[in-house]
N, C-alpha and C. Protein backbone atom coordinates (compact mmCIF):
# COMPACT_ATOMS: atom_id res chain seq x y z
N MET A 1 7.80 10.00 23.72
CA MET A 1 6.94 9.99 22.55
C MET A 1 7.48 9.04 21.49
N ARG A 2 8.81 9.08 21.32
CA ARG A 2 9.42 8.20 20.32
C ARG A 2 9.24 6.73 20.70
N THR A 3 9.33 6.43 21.99
CA THR A 3 9.15 5.05 22.44
C THR A 3 7.72 4.59 22.20
N PHE A 4 6.76 5.44 22.48
CA PHE A 4 5.36 5.11 22.25
C PHE A 4 5.10 4.83 20.77
N LEU A 5 5.63 5.68 19.90
CA LEU A 5 5.44 5.47 18.47
C LEU A 5 6.16 4.22 17.98
N SER A 6 7.29 3.91 18.59
CA SER A 6 8.01 2.69 18.21
C SER A 6 7.21 1.44 18.58
N VAL A 7 6.54 1.49 19.72
CA VAL A 7 5.68 0.37 20.13
C VAL A 7 4.49 0.24 19.17
N ILE A 8 3.90 1.35 18.78
CA ILE A 8 2.79 1.34 17.83
C ILE A 8 3.25 0.77 16.49
N ILE A 9 4.44 1.14 16.05
CA ILE A 9 4.98 0.62 14.80
C ILE A 9 5.19 -0.89 14.89
N ALA A 10 5.74 -1.36 15.99
CA ALA A 10 5.98 -2.79 16.16
C ALA A 10 4.67 -3.58 16.16
N ILE A 11 3.67 -3.08 16.87
CA ILE A 11 2.38 -3.78 16.92
C ILE A 11 1.71 -3.79 15.56
N SER A 12 1.74 -2.67 14.85
CA SER A 12 1.11 -2.62 13.54
C SER A 12 1.86 -3.49 12.53
N CYS A 13 3.18 -3.56 12.64
CA CYS A 13 3.94 -4.45 11.76
C CYS A 13 3.56 -5.91 11.97
N ILE A 14 3.42 -6.30 13.22
CA ILE A 14 3.02 -7.68 13.52
C ILE A 14 1.62 -7.95 13.00
N MET A 15 0.71 -6.97 13.14
CA MET A 15 -0.65 -7.15 12.63
C MET A 15 -0.67 -7.29 11.12
N VAL A 16 0.14 -6.50 10.42
CA VAL A 16 0.20 -6.60 8.96
C VAL A 16 0.75 -7.96 8.54
N ILE A 17 1.81 -8.40 9.19
CA ILE A 17 2.41 -9.69 8.84
C ILE A 17 1.43 -10.82 9.05
N VAL A 18 0.76 -10.84 10.20
CA VAL A 18 -0.19 -11.92 10.50
C VAL A 18 -1.37 -11.91 9.55
N SER A 19 -1.92 -10.73 9.26
CA SER A 19 -3.08 -10.67 8.39
C SER A 19 -2.74 -11.04 6.95
N VAL A 20 -1.54 -10.71 6.50
CA VAL A 20 -1.14 -11.08 5.14
C VAL A 20 -0.89 -12.58 5.05
N VAL A 21 -0.29 -13.15 6.07
CA VAL A 21 -0.03 -14.59 6.06
C VAL A 21 -1.34 -15.39 6.09
N LEU A 22 -2.34 -14.90 6.80
CA LEU A 22 -3.60 -15.62 6.90
C LEU A 22 -4.49 -15.48 5.67
N GLN A 23 -4.23 -14.51 4.80
CA GLN A 23 -5.06 -14.32 3.62
C GLN A 23 -4.80 -15.42 2.60
N GLU A 24 -5.87 -15.78 1.88
CA GLU A 24 -5.73 -16.76 0.81
C GLU A 24 -5.31 -16.05 -0.47
N SER A 25 -4.75 -16.81 -1.37
CA SER A 25 -4.30 -16.26 -2.64
C SER A 25 -5.50 -15.84 -3.48
N LYS A 26 -5.36 -14.76 -4.25
CA LYS A 26 -6.43 -14.31 -5.12
C LYS A 26 -6.37 -14.99 -6.48
N GLN A 27 -5.32 -15.74 -6.73
CA GLN A 27 -5.18 -16.44 -8.00
C GLN A 27 -5.95 -17.75 -7.94
N ALA A 28 -6.69 -18.04 -9.00
CA ALA A 28 -7.49 -19.26 -9.03
C ALA A 28 -6.65 -20.47 -9.41
N GLY A 29 -5.57 -20.28 -10.10
CA GLY A 29 -4.70 -21.38 -10.46
C GLY A 29 -5.18 -22.11 -11.70
N LEU A 30 -4.65 -23.29 -11.92
CA LEU A 30 -4.97 -24.06 -13.12
C LEU A 30 -6.32 -24.75 -13.04
N GLY A 31 -6.95 -24.76 -11.90
CA GLY A 31 -8.23 -25.44 -11.73
C GLY A 31 -9.38 -24.78 -12.48
N THR A 32 -9.21 -23.57 -12.92
CA THR A 32 -10.31 -22.86 -13.60
C THR A 32 -10.18 -22.87 -15.11
N LEU A 33 -9.21 -23.59 -15.63
CA LEU A 33 -9.02 -23.61 -17.08
C LEU A 33 -10.19 -24.27 -17.81
N ASP A 34 -10.80 -25.29 -17.21
CA ASP A 34 -11.90 -25.96 -17.89
C ASP A 34 -13.24 -25.26 -17.67
N GLY A 35 -13.30 -24.28 -16.79
CA GLY A 35 -14.52 -23.50 -16.57
C GLY A 35 -15.52 -24.15 -15.65
N SER A 36 -15.15 -25.24 -15.00
CA SER A 36 -16.10 -25.95 -14.15
C SER A 36 -16.20 -25.38 -12.74
N VAL A 37 -15.24 -24.57 -12.35
CA VAL A 37 -15.22 -24.00 -11.00
C VAL A 37 -16.05 -22.72 -11.00
N GLU A 38 -17.05 -22.66 -10.12
CA GLU A 38 -17.89 -21.48 -10.00
C GLU A 38 -17.31 -20.54 -8.97
N SER A 39 -17.66 -19.29 -9.06
CA SER A 39 -17.17 -18.30 -8.11
C SER A 39 -17.81 -18.54 -6.75
N ALA A 40 -16.97 -18.63 -5.74
CA ALA A 40 -17.46 -18.87 -4.38
C ALA A 40 -18.00 -17.61 -3.73
N ASN A 41 -17.71 -16.45 -4.30
CA ASN A 41 -18.12 -15.19 -3.69
C ASN A 41 -19.46 -14.70 -4.18
N TRP A 42 -20.06 -15.35 -5.13
CA TRP A 42 -21.33 -14.90 -5.69
C TRP A 42 -22.41 -14.97 -4.62
N GLY A 43 -23.02 -13.86 -4.32
CA GLY A 43 -24.11 -13.82 -3.35
C GLY A 43 -23.67 -13.79 -1.90
N SER A 44 -22.40 -13.67 -1.66
CA SER A 44 -21.96 -13.64 -0.26
C SER A 44 -22.21 -12.25 0.32
N HIS A 45 -22.28 -12.19 1.63
CA HIS A 45 -22.52 -10.92 2.30
C HIS A 45 -21.26 -10.07 2.23
N SER A 46 -21.42 -8.85 1.81
CA SER A 46 -20.27 -7.97 1.63
C SER A 46 -19.77 -7.46 2.98
N GLY A 47 -18.49 -7.62 3.22
CA GLY A 47 -17.87 -7.08 4.42
C GLY A 47 -17.99 -7.94 5.66
N THR A 48 -18.63 -9.08 5.56
CA THR A 48 -18.79 -9.91 6.75
C THR A 48 -17.95 -11.17 6.69
N SER A 49 -17.32 -11.45 5.59
CA SER A 49 -16.55 -12.67 5.47
C SER A 49 -15.17 -12.50 6.12
N ARG A 50 -14.53 -13.62 6.34
CA ARG A 50 -13.19 -13.62 6.92
C ARG A 50 -12.21 -12.92 5.97
N LYS A 51 -12.40 -13.12 4.69
CA LYS A 51 -11.53 -12.50 3.68
C LYS A 51 -11.63 -10.97 3.76
N GLN A 52 -12.83 -10.45 3.84
CA GLN A 52 -13.03 -9.01 3.93
C GLN A 52 -12.44 -8.45 5.23
N MET A 53 -12.61 -9.19 6.33
CA MET A 53 -12.09 -8.74 7.61
C MET A 53 -10.56 -8.67 7.58
N LEU A 54 -9.91 -9.67 6.98
CA LEU A 54 -8.46 -9.66 6.91
C LEU A 54 -7.95 -8.54 6.00
N GLU A 55 -8.67 -8.26 4.92
CA GLU A 55 -8.27 -7.17 4.03
C GLU A 55 -8.39 -5.81 4.73
N LYS A 56 -9.46 -5.62 5.49
CA LYS A 56 -9.63 -4.36 6.23
C LYS A 56 -8.58 -4.22 7.33
N THR A 57 -8.27 -5.33 8.01
CA THR A 57 -7.25 -5.31 9.06
C THR A 57 -5.90 -4.94 8.48
N THR A 58 -5.57 -5.52 7.32
CA THR A 58 -4.31 -5.21 6.67
C THR A 58 -4.24 -3.74 6.29
N LEU A 59 -5.32 -3.22 5.73
CA LEU A 59 -5.35 -1.82 5.31
C LEU A 59 -5.20 -0.87 6.49
N VAL A 60 -5.96 -1.09 7.54
CA VAL A 60 -5.92 -0.20 8.71
C VAL A 60 -4.56 -0.26 9.40
N ALA A 61 -4.03 -1.47 9.57
CA ALA A 61 -2.73 -1.62 10.24
C ALA A 61 -1.62 -0.99 9.43
N SER A 62 -1.68 -1.11 8.11
CA SER A 62 -0.63 -0.51 7.30
C SER A 62 -0.72 1.02 7.30
N ILE A 63 -1.92 1.56 7.34
CA ILE A 63 -2.08 3.02 7.42
C ILE A 63 -1.54 3.54 8.76
N VAL A 64 -1.87 2.85 9.84
CA VAL A 64 -1.36 3.25 11.17
C VAL A 64 0.15 3.16 11.20
N MET A 65 0.71 2.11 10.60
CA MET A 65 2.15 1.95 10.57
C MET A 65 2.82 3.08 9.79
N MET A 66 2.28 3.43 8.63
CA MET A 66 2.86 4.50 7.82
C MET A 66 2.81 5.85 8.53
N ILE A 67 1.69 6.15 9.16
CA ILE A 67 1.55 7.42 9.88
C ILE A 67 2.53 7.47 11.05
N SER A 68 2.69 6.35 11.74
CA SER A 68 3.62 6.31 12.88
C SER A 68 5.06 6.46 12.40
N ILE A 69 5.40 5.84 11.29
CA ILE A 69 6.76 5.96 10.76
C ILE A 69 7.06 7.39 10.35
N ILE A 70 6.11 8.04 9.72
CA ILE A 70 6.29 9.44 9.33
C ILE A 70 6.42 10.33 10.56
N ALA A 71 5.65 10.03 11.61
CA ALA A 71 5.73 10.84 12.83
C ALA A 71 7.08 10.66 13.51
N VAL A 72 7.61 9.44 13.52
CA VAL A 72 8.93 9.21 14.14
C VAL A 72 10.00 9.92 13.31
N ALA A 73 9.87 9.89 12.01
CA ALA A 73 10.86 10.56 11.15
C ALA A 73 10.82 12.08 11.34
N ALA A 74 9.64 12.61 11.65
CA ALA A 74 9.50 14.05 11.82
C ALA A 74 10.03 14.53 13.17
N ILE A 75 10.10 13.64 14.13
CA ILE A 75 10.54 14.02 15.49
C ILE A 75 12.04 14.21 15.53
C-alpha cells in the first residue's frame, strides 16, 4: 500500500511541476502602464482555454498529492 501511494505521490508531483512550468505569468508587466493593452480574456469561453485547463490540472494534482501524503503519514 505504501509503495502504491508513493507512486501516486511521484506522479502527482511531476504533474504539478509540469503544469506550473507551462502556465503563463498572471502579471501584465510594464506593458500596461500606458493603458493601450486590452484584456485578452474578454469574451473568451470559460473553462475551455489552455490556461483554465492548466489551472484545473494543477489544482487536482495538488489535491491528490496532499491526500496521498496524508495517507502515507497515517500508515
